[in-house]
Amino acid sequence: MQALLASLLVALGNFRQIVAYFVFVAMVFLALTTAGLYRLTCKSPQENQPRFPGYPYTPLVFLALVGLFLLLLAECNPFQVMLGVGVVMLGVPAFELVRK
């Protein structure tokens, strides 16, 4: 289903629409991955302490900038953003079937 929708988007859309569709979803998952750093350190702070400069603040700044980017992208391309989120949500039933 996702491949069919992606093929339709490529056939009917222009480059800007395709980029807005893909970038929004990719940035959401990138932000979730970054937010996962905090979840890992909350479970066992001594074992999983990240070692990079400015640790608690660097990811926060990144998440704030990604959030701003996502808001601006959603404001400029709402249809493509909703299409991207919709395609990702189509994977939820498949995930639930595989998980069971």
Protein backbone atom coordinates (compact mmCIF):
# COMPACT_ATOMS: atom_id res chain seq x y z
CA MET A 1 0.00 0.00 0.00
CA GLN A 2 2.79 2.41 0.89
CA ALA A 3 4.63 1.63 -2.34
CA LEU A 4 1.47 2.32 -4.33
CA LEU A 5 0.94 5.66 -2.61
CA ALA A 6 4.59 6.61 -3.06
CA SER A 7 4.38 5.72 -6.76
CA LEU A 8 1.29 7.88 -7.16
CA LEU A 9 3.03 10.78 -5.44
CA VAL A 10 6.03 10.47 -7.75
CA ALA A 11 3.81 10.29 -10.81
CA LEU A 12 1.50 13.16 -9.84
CA GLY A 13 3.64 15.43 -7.66
CA ASN A 14 6.53 17.75 -8.22
CA PHE A 15 9.91 17.71 -6.49
CA ARG A 16 8.91 20.22 -3.79
CA GLN A 17 5.86 18.15 -2.82
CA ILE A 18 7.87 14.96 -2.64
CA VAL A 19 10.52 16.59 -0.47
CA ALA A 20 7.89 18.04 1.89
CA TYR A 21 6.23 14.63 2.13
CA PHE A 22 9.44 12.79 2.92
CA VAL A 23 11.32 15.36 5.00
CA PHE A 24 8.54 15.90 7.52
CA VAL A 25 8.25 12.22 8.37
CA ALA A 26 12.02 11.71 8.42
CA MET A 27 12.52 14.67 10.77
CA VAL A 28 9.81 13.41 13.13
CA PHE A 29 11.62 10.09 13.48
CA LEU A 30 14.96 11.86 13.87
CA ALA A 31 13.49 13.93 16.70
CA LEU A 32 12.05 10.80 18.34
CA THR A 33 15.47 9.17 18.18
CA THR A 34 17.08 12.19 19.80
CA ALA A 35 14.39 12.31 22.49
CA GLY A 36 15.19 8.66 23.18
CA LEU A 37 18.51 9.77 24.64
CA TYR A 38 16.66 11.21 27.61
CA ARG A 39 14.57 8.09 28.07
CA LEU A 40 17.68 5.91 28.12
CA THR A 41 19.41 8.06 30.71
CA CYS A 42 16.33 8.12 32.95
CA LYS A 43 16.21 4.33 33.21
CA SER A 44 19.83 3.88 34.32
CA PRO A 45 21.69 7.18 34.59
CA GLN A 46 25.09 5.71 35.47
CA GLU A 47 25.28 3.08 32.73
CA ASN A 48 23.88 4.93 29.73
CA GLN A 49 25.22 8.44 30.24
CA PRO A 50 25.95 9.91 26.79
CA ARG A 51 29.43 11.31 26.34
CA PHE A 52 29.34 14.32 24.06
CA PRO A 53 29.84 18.04 24.64
CA GLY A 54 26.98 19.93 26.26
CA TYR A 55 24.92 16.80 26.82
CA PRO A 56 21.68 17.78 28.40
CA TYR A 57 21.41 21.01 26.41
CA THR A 58 22.65 20.03 22.94
CA PRO A 59 19.78 17.60 22.25
CA LEU A 60 17.29 20.10 23.68
CA VAL A 61 18.46 22.79 21.27
CA PHE A 62 18.31 20.31 18.42
CA LEU A 63 14.77 19.23 19.38
CA ALA A 64 13.64 22.85 19.60
CA LEU A 65 15.04 23.61 16.14
CA VAL A 66 13.50 20.46 14.66
CA GLY A 67 10.16 21.40 16.23
CA LEU A 68 10.34 24.85 14.67
CA PHE A 69 11.27 23.33 11.32
CA LEU A 70 8.34 20.91 11.51
CA LEU A 71 5.91 23.71 12.33
CA LEU A 72 7.13 25.81 9.41
CA LEU A 73 7.01 22.86 7.04
CA ALA A 74 3.48 21.95 8.16
CA GLU A 75 2.37 25.55 7.70
CA CYS A 76 3.75 25.79 4.16
CA ASN A 77 2.79 22.29 2.94
CA PRO A 78 -0.13 21.00 5.02
CA PHE A 79 -1.42 18.54 2.42
CA GLN A 80 1.96 16.88 1.90
CA VAL A 81 2.55 16.70 5.65
CA MET A 82 -0.81 15.03 6.25
CA LEU A 83 -0.17 12.66 3.35
CA GLY A 84 3.20 11.67 4.84
CA VAL A 85 1.73 11.13 8.28
CA GLY A 86 -1.13 9.15 6.74
CA VAL A 87 1.23 6.84 4.89
CA VAL A 88 3.19 6.20 8.07
CA MET A 89 -0.05 5.52 9.96
CA LEU A 90 -0.97 2.90 7.36
CA GLY A 91 1.92 0.89 8.75
CA VAL A 92 0.40 0.72 12.25
CA PRO A 93 -2.06 -2.11 11.48
CA ALA A 94 0.73 -4.09 9.80
CA PHE A 95 2.94 -3.54 12.84
CA GLU A 96 0.20 -4.74 15.17
CA LEU A 97 -0.31 -7.89 13.07
CA VAL A 98 3.39 -8.69 13.09
CA ARG A 99 3.73 -7.97 16.79
CA LYS A 100 0.95 -10.41 17.70
